[in-house]
Amino acid sequence: MRKTRPHPDSPLGRLLATLPRPGRVEWIGLRPAREAPMRVVDAVVAVVGAGLDGDRYEGRSGTREVTLIQAEHLPVIAALAGLDALPPELLRRNLVVSRIPLVALGGRRFRIGTALLEGTGPCDPCSKMEAALGRGGYNAMRGHGGITARVVESGLIRLGDALCPVDERPLPSDIAQHALF
């Protein structure tokens, strides 16, 4: 069954459109090949229809061109997996973003740096998390795996760039006056 969004002018629609502040890119990683370690970079080019330049899924991933995870979830996953710390590269996501609830970006467009992306769905963990995080690692990540996105407009993404949702129509006036983006 397909999920439908509430009407944007409904009370729930207005709540879903309101985010506290823009996000921020904290970490960027690329998977150059299957089973290869993540390559940590300071900047990357997002390409329409291809994903991130230099990532193994470049041009072959459909709606999963870019993967994002919330920085705030890393300590939660670590705690659930019984780890003291969790290096982002173990989770095999492309971007670690802070200060914004990524779940709110499902089906929405957002700009990071000069690139425009669109949230396409949840990024559920894979069986590799059991090996990466230890016994129970898969379950430690469930519900905290982040989101997938596709590139709508090519552009450059750098560490420290803001992640700002882009509304496809103007926000109702009572929300627009409180919006930070």
C-alpha atoms as a PDB file:
ATOM      1  CA  MET A   1       0.000   0.000   0.000  1.00  0.00           C
ATOM      2  CA  ARG A   2       1.346   3.408  -0.945  1.00  0.00           C
ATOM      3  CA  LYS A   3       1.652   5.994   1.802  1.00  0.00           C
ATOM      4  CA  THR A   4       0.010   9.324   1.115  1.00  0.00           C
ATOM      5  CA  ARG A   5       1.041  12.648   2.565  1.00  0.00           C
ATOM      6  CA  PRO A   6      -1.580  14.760   4.301  1.00  0.00           C
ATOM      7  CA  HIS A   7      -2.729  17.913   2.564  1.00  0.00           C
ATOM      8  CA  PRO A   8      -0.059  20.630   3.101  1.00  0.00           C
ATOM      9  CA  ASP A   9      -2.599  23.020   4.633  1.00  0.00           C
ATOM     10  CA  SER A  10      -3.907  20.467   7.135  1.00  0.00           C
ATOM     11  CA  PRO A  11      -2.651  20.664  10.730  1.00  0.00           C
ATOM     12  CA  LEU A  12      -0.534  17.520  10.242  1.00  0.00           C
ATOM     13  CA  GLY A  13       0.689  18.742   6.850  1.00  0.00           C
ATOM     14  CA  ARG A  14       1.881  21.985   8.454  1.00  0.00           C
ATOM     15  CA  LEU A  15       3.670  20.097  11.222  1.00  0.00           C
ATOM     16  CA  LEU A  16       5.420  17.845   8.705  1.00  0.00           C
ATOM     17  CA  ALA A  17       6.588  20.877   6.706  1.00  0.00           C
ATOM     18  CA  THR A  18       8.113  22.627   9.706  1.00  0.00           C
ATOM     19  CA  LEU A  19      11.707  21.805  10.596  1.00  0.00           C
ATOM     20  CA  PRO A  20      13.663  23.431  13.425  1.00  0.00           C
ATOM     21  CA  ARG A  21      16.707  24.510  11.403  1.00  0.00           C
ATOM     22  CA  PRO A  22      18.902  23.498   8.468  1.00  0.00           C
ATOM     23  CA  GLY A  23      21.138  20.466   8.771  1.00  0.00           C
ATOM     24  CA  ARG A  24      24.915  20.341   8.332  1.00  0.00           C
ATOM     25  CA  VAL A  25      27.234  17.891   6.526  1.00  0.00           C
ATOM     26  CA  GLU A  26      29.634  16.426   9.105  1.00  0.00           C
ATOM     27  CA  TRP A  27      31.277  13.600   7.135  1.00  0.00           C
ATOM     28  CA  ILE A  28      31.498  12.399   3.519  1.00  0.00           C
ATOM     29  CA  GLY A  29      32.453   8.882   2.462  1.00  0.00           C
ATOM     30  CA  LEU A  30      32.629   6.997  -0.828  1.00  0.00           C
ATOM     31  CA  ARG A  31      32.712   3.265  -1.504  1.00  0.00           C
ATOM     32  CA  PRO A  32      35.053   2.975  -4.504  1.00  0.00           C
ATOM     33  CA  ALA A  33      34.423  -0.770  -5.028  1.00  0.00           C
ATOM     34  CA  ARG A  34      32.585  -3.733  -3.538  1.00  0.00           C
ATOM     35  CA  GLU A  35      34.175  -4.787  -0.237  1.00  0.00           C
ATOM     36  CA  ALA A  36      36.622  -1.849  -0.420  1.00  0.00           C
ATOM     37  CA  PRO A  37      36.962   0.369   2.654  1.00  0.00           C
ATOM     38  CA  MET A  38      35.183   3.710   2.617  1.00  0.00           C
ATOM     39  CA  ARG A  39      37.236   6.614   1.326  1.00  0.00           C
ATOM     40  CA  VAL A  40      36.717   9.735   3.454  1.00  0.00           C
ATOM     41  CA  VAL A  41      36.693  12.994   1.455  1.00  0.00           C
ATOM     42  CA  ASP A  42      36.154  16.707   2.127  1.00  0.00           C
ATOM     43  CA  ALA A  43      33.998  17.290  -0.966  1.00  0.00           C
ATOM     44  CA  VAL A  44      32.195  15.335  -3.662  1.00  0.00           C
ATOM     45  CA  VAL A  45      30.271  16.064  -6.850  1.00  0.00           C
ATOM     46  CA  ALA A  46      26.676  14.789  -6.981  1.00  0.00           C
ATOM     47  CA  VAL A  47      25.632  13.954 -10.559  1.00  0.00           C
ATOM     48  CA  VAL A  48      22.071  13.634 -11.877  1.00  0.00           C
ATOM     49  CA  GLY A  49      21.275  10.010 -12.678  1.00  0.00           C
ATOM     50  CA  ALA A  50      24.620   8.820 -11.348  1.00  0.00           C
ATOM     51  CA  GLY A  51      24.913   9.666  -7.659  1.00  0.00           C
ATOM     52  CA  LEU A  52      28.242  10.641  -6.134  1.00  0.00           C
ATOM     53  CA  ASP A  53      31.324  10.843  -8.335  1.00  0.00           C
ATOM     54  CA  GLY A  54      33.705   8.075  -7.275  1.00  0.00           C
ATOM     55  CA  ASP A  55      31.137   5.962  -5.406  1.00  0.00           C
ATOM     56  CA  ARG A  56      30.721   2.329  -6.456  1.00  0.00           C
ATOM     57  CA  TYR A  57      26.999   2.818  -7.060  1.00  0.00           C
ATOM     58  CA  GLU A  58      27.624   5.734  -9.423  1.00  0.00           C
ATOM     59  CA  GLY A  59      25.149   5.366 -12.268  1.00  0.00           C
ATOM     60  CA  ARG A  60      23.768   1.992 -11.118  1.00  0.00           C
ATOM     61  CA  SER A  61      21.635   2.716  -8.116  1.00  0.00           C
ATOM     62  CA  GLY A  62      18.301   4.133  -9.293  1.00  0.00           C
ATOM     63  CA  THR A  63      16.658   5.885  -6.371  1.00  0.00           C
ATOM     64  CA  ARG A  64      19.521   5.033  -4.001  1.00  0.00           C
ATOM     65  CA  GLU A  65      22.115   7.367  -5.486  1.00  0.00           C
ATOM     66  CA  VAL A  66      23.107   8.905  -2.141  1.00  0.00           C
ATOM     67  CA  THR A  67      22.766   7.552   1.398  1.00  0.00           C
ATOM     68  CA  LEU A  68      22.495   9.816   4.438  1.00  0.00           C
ATOM     69  CA  ILE A  69      22.510   9.110   8.174  1.00  0.00           C
ATOM     70  CA  GLN A  70      21.959  11.380  11.147  1.00  0.00           C
ATOM     71  CA  ALA A  71      25.021  12.169  13.257  1.00  0.00           C
ATOM     72  CA  GLU A  72      22.813  12.090  16.340  1.00  0.00           C
ATOM     73  CA  HIS A  73      22.037   8.412  15.671  1.00  0.00           C
ATOM     74  CA  LEU A  74      25.679   7.288  15.743  1.00  0.00           C
ATOM     75  CA  PRO A  75      25.926   7.243  19.572  1.00  0.00           C
ATOM     76  CA  VAL A  76      22.549   5.475  19.757  1.00  0.00           C
ATOM     77  CA  ILE A  77      23.664   2.746  17.347  1.00  0.00           C
ATOM     78  CA  ALA A  78      26.967   2.429  19.225  1.00  0.00           C
ATOM     79  CA  ALA A  79      25.160   2.056  22.551  1.00  0.00           C
ATOM     80  CA  LEU A  80      22.742  -0.524  21.168  1.00  0.00           C
ATOM     81  CA  ALA A  81      25.649  -2.473  19.651  1.00  0.00           C
ATOM     82  CA  GLY A  82      27.655  -2.293  22.898  1.00  0.00           C
ATOM     83  CA  LEU A  83      30.401  -0.125  21.393  1.00  0.00           C
ATOM     84  CA  ASP A  84      32.159   2.857  22.959  1.00  0.00           C
ATOM     85  CA  ALA A  85      32.349   4.749  19.661  1.00  0.00           C
ATOM     86  CA  LEU A  86      31.230   4.268  16.089  1.00  0.00           C
ATOM     87  CA  PRO A  87      33.316   5.512  13.152  1.00  0.00           C
ATOM     88  CA  PRO A  88      30.911   6.544  10.343  1.00  0.00           C
ATOM     89  CA  GLU A  89      32.745   4.489   7.716  1.00  0.00           C
ATOM     90  CA  LEU A  90      31.562   1.261   9.396  1.00  0.00           C
ATOM     91  CA  LEU A  91      27.958   2.127   8.495  1.00  0.00           C
ATOM     92  CA  ARG A  92      28.672   2.467   4.758  1.00  0.00           C
ATOM     93  CA  ARG A  93      26.622   5.653   4.278  1.00  0.00           C
ATOM     94  CA  ASN A  94      27.774   8.525   2.059  1.00  0.00           C
ATOM     95  CA  LEU A  95      26.854  11.521   4.190  1.00  0.00           C
ATOM     96  CA  VAL A  96      26.599  12.046   7.935  1.00  0.00           C
ATOM     97  CA  VAL A  97      24.335  15.010   8.619  1.00  0.00           C
ATOM     98  CA  SER A  98      23.579  16.721  11.929  1.00  0.00           C
ATOM     99  CA  ARG A  99      20.896  19.095  13.252  1.00  0.00           C
ATOM    100  CA  ILE A 100      17.945  17.897  11.147  1.00  0.00           C
ATOM    101  CA  PRO A 101      15.653  14.855  11.404  1.00  0.00           C
ATOM    102  CA  LEU A 102      16.339  13.023   8.151  1.00  0.00           C
ATOM    103  CA  VAL A 103      13.081  11.064   8.399  1.00  0.00           C
ATOM    104  CA  ALA A 104      11.295  14.370   7.696  1.00  0.00           C
ATOM    105  CA  LEU A 105      12.952  14.512   4.249  1.00  0.00           C
ATOM    106  CA  GLY A 106      11.173  11.469   2.841  1.00  0.00           C
ATOM    107  CA  GLY A 107       9.675  12.448  -0.509  1.00  0.00           C
ATOM    108  CA  ARG A 108      10.969  16.017  -0.146  1.00  0.00           C
ATOM    109  CA  ARG A 109      13.619  17.897  -2.063  1.00  0.00           C
ATOM    110  CA  PHE A 110      16.558  19.422  -0.254  1.00  0.00           C
ATOM    111  CA  ARG A 111      19.681  21.300  -1.191  1.00  0.00           C
ATOM    112  CA  ILE A 112      23.148  20.403   0.079  1.00  0.00           C
ATOM    113  CA  GLY A 113      25.824  22.766  -1.170  1.00  0.00           C
ATOM    114  CA  THR A 114      24.951  23.387  -4.814  1.00  0.00           C
ATOM    115  CA  ALA A 115      23.309  19.965  -5.336  1.00  0.00           C
ATOM    116  CA  LEU A 116      19.573  19.335  -5.171  1.00  0.00           C
ATOM    117  CA  LEU A 117      18.494  15.929  -3.860  1.00  0.00           C
ATOM    118  CA  GLU A 118      15.188  14.220  -3.167  1.00  0.00           C
ATOM    119  CA  GLY A 119      14.572  11.758  -0.339  1.00  0.00           C
ATOM    120  CA  THR A 120      13.479   8.421  -1.818  1.00  0.00           C
ATOM    121  CA  GLY A 121      13.092   6.162   1.206  1.00  0.00           C
ATOM    122  CA  PRO A 122      14.607   4.661   4.311  1.00  0.00           C
ATOM    123  CA  CYS A 123      18.130   3.237   4.167  1.00  0.00           C
ATOM    124  CA  ASP A 124      17.654  -0.002   6.040  1.00  0.00           C
ATOM    125  CA  PRO A 125      20.711  -1.840   7.355  1.00  0.00           C
ATOM    126  CA  CYS A 126      22.153  -4.781   5.475  1.00  0.00           C
ATOM    127  CA  SER A 127      23.560  -8.059   6.799  1.00  0.00           C
ATOM    128  CA  LYS A 128      27.079  -6.559   6.694  1.00  0.00           C
ATOM    129  CA  MET A 129      26.218  -4.632   9.875  1.00  0.00           C
ATOM    130  CA  GLU A 130      26.414  -7.880  11.835  1.00  0.00           C
ATOM    131  CA  ALA A 131      30.094  -8.215  10.908  1.00  0.00           C
ATOM    132  CA  ALA A 132      30.849  -4.481  11.154  1.00  0.00           C
ATOM    133  CA  LEU A 133      29.213  -3.882  14.530  1.00  0.00           C
ATOM    134  CA  GLY A 134      29.277  -7.341  16.088  1.00  0.00           C
ATOM    135  CA  ARG A 135      26.497  -9.679  17.093  1.00  0.00           C
ATOM    136  CA  GLY A 136      23.183  -7.803  16.997  1.00  0.00           C
ATOM    137  CA  GLY A 137      24.623  -5.013  14.848  1.00  0.00           C
ATOM    138  CA  TYR A 138      21.862  -5.391  12.273  1.00  0.00           C
ATOM    139  CA  ASN A 139      19.179  -4.873  14.917  1.00  0.00           C
ATOM    140  CA  ALA A 140      21.139  -2.047  16.575  1.00  0.00           C
ATOM    141  CA  MET A 141      20.831  -0.124  13.310  1.00  0.00           C
ATOM    142  CA  ARG A 142      17.172  -0.843  12.595  1.00  0.00           C
ATOM    143  CA  GLY A 143      15.229   2.400  12.604  1.00  0.00           C
ATOM    144  CA  HIS A 144      18.471   4.405  12.622  1.00  0.00           C
ATOM    145  CA  GLY A 145      19.855   3.635   9.149  1.00  0.00           C
ATOM    146  CA  GLY A 146      19.047   7.007   7.608  1.00  0.00           C
ATOM    147  CA  ILE A 147      17.583   7.697   4.179  1.00  0.00           C
ATOM    148  CA  THR A 148      18.320   7.256   0.507  1.00  0.00           C
ATOM    149  CA  ALA A 149      18.128  10.069  -2.030  1.00  0.00           C
ATOM    150  CA  ARG A 150      18.423  10.705  -5.735  1.00  0.00           C
ATOM    151  CA  VAL A 151      20.235  13.634  -7.340  1.00  0.00           C
ATOM    152  CA  VAL A 152      17.816  16.082  -8.995  1.00  0.00           C
ATOM    153  CA  GLU A 153      20.404  18.781  -9.879  1.00  0.00           C
ATOM    154  CA  SER A 154      24.145  18.141 -10.058  1.00  0.00           C
ATOM    155  CA  GLY A 155      26.369  20.101  -7.700  1.00  0.00           C
ATOM    156  CA  LEU A 156      29.207  20.169  -5.198  1.00  0.00           C
ATOM    157  CA  ILE A 157      28.759  18.935  -1.615  1.00  0.00           C
ATOM    158  CA  ARG A 158      31.393  19.880   0.989  1.00  0.00           C
ATOM    159  CA  LEU A 159      31.983  19.306   4.679  1.00  0.00           C
ATOM    160  CA  GLY A 160      30.134  21.966   6.642  1.00  0.00           C
ATOM    161  CA  ASP A 161      27.553  22.619   3.908  1.00  0.00           C
ATOM    162  CA  ALA A 162      24.004  23.281   5.032  1.00  0.00           C
ATOM    163  CA  LEU A 163      21.193  20.870   4.218  1.00  0.00           C
ATOM    164  CA  CYS A 164      18.066  22.953   3.528  1.00  0.00           C
ATOM    165  CA  PRO A 165      14.678  21.535   2.543  1.00  0.00           C
ATOM    166  CA  VAL A 166      13.223  23.085  -0.603  1.00  0.00           C
ATOM    167  CA  ASP A 167       9.475  23.465  -0.647  1.00  0.00           C
ATOM    168  CA  GLU A 168       7.804  22.974  -3.988  1.00  0.00           C
ATOM    169  CA  ARG A 169       5.154  25.540  -3.120  1.00  0.00           C
ATOM    170  CA  PRO A 170       5.155  28.474  -0.719  1.00  0.00           C
ATOM    171  CA  LEU A 171       4.561  27.618   2.913  1.00  0.00           C
ATOM    172  CA  PRO A 172       1.352  28.888   4.510  1.00  0.00           C
ATOM    173  CA  SER A 173       1.996  32.340   5.967  1.00  0.00           C
ATOM    174  CA  ASP A 174       1.783  31.216   9.611  1.00  0.00           C
ATOM    175  CA  ILE A 175       4.578  28.692   8.970  1.00  0.00           C
ATOM    176  CA  ALA A 176       6.683  30.809   6.602  1.00  0.00           C
ATOM    177  CA  GLN A 177       7.243  33.450   9.262  1.00  0.00           C
ATOM    178  CA  HIS A 178       8.878  30.804  11.487  1.00  0.00           C
ATOM    179  CA  ALA A 179      10.868  28.966   8.808  1.00  0.00           C
ATOM    180  CA  LEU A 180      14.663  29.210   8.912  1.00  0.00           C
ATOM    181  CA  PHE A 181      15.171  28.238   5.288  1.00  0.00           C
END
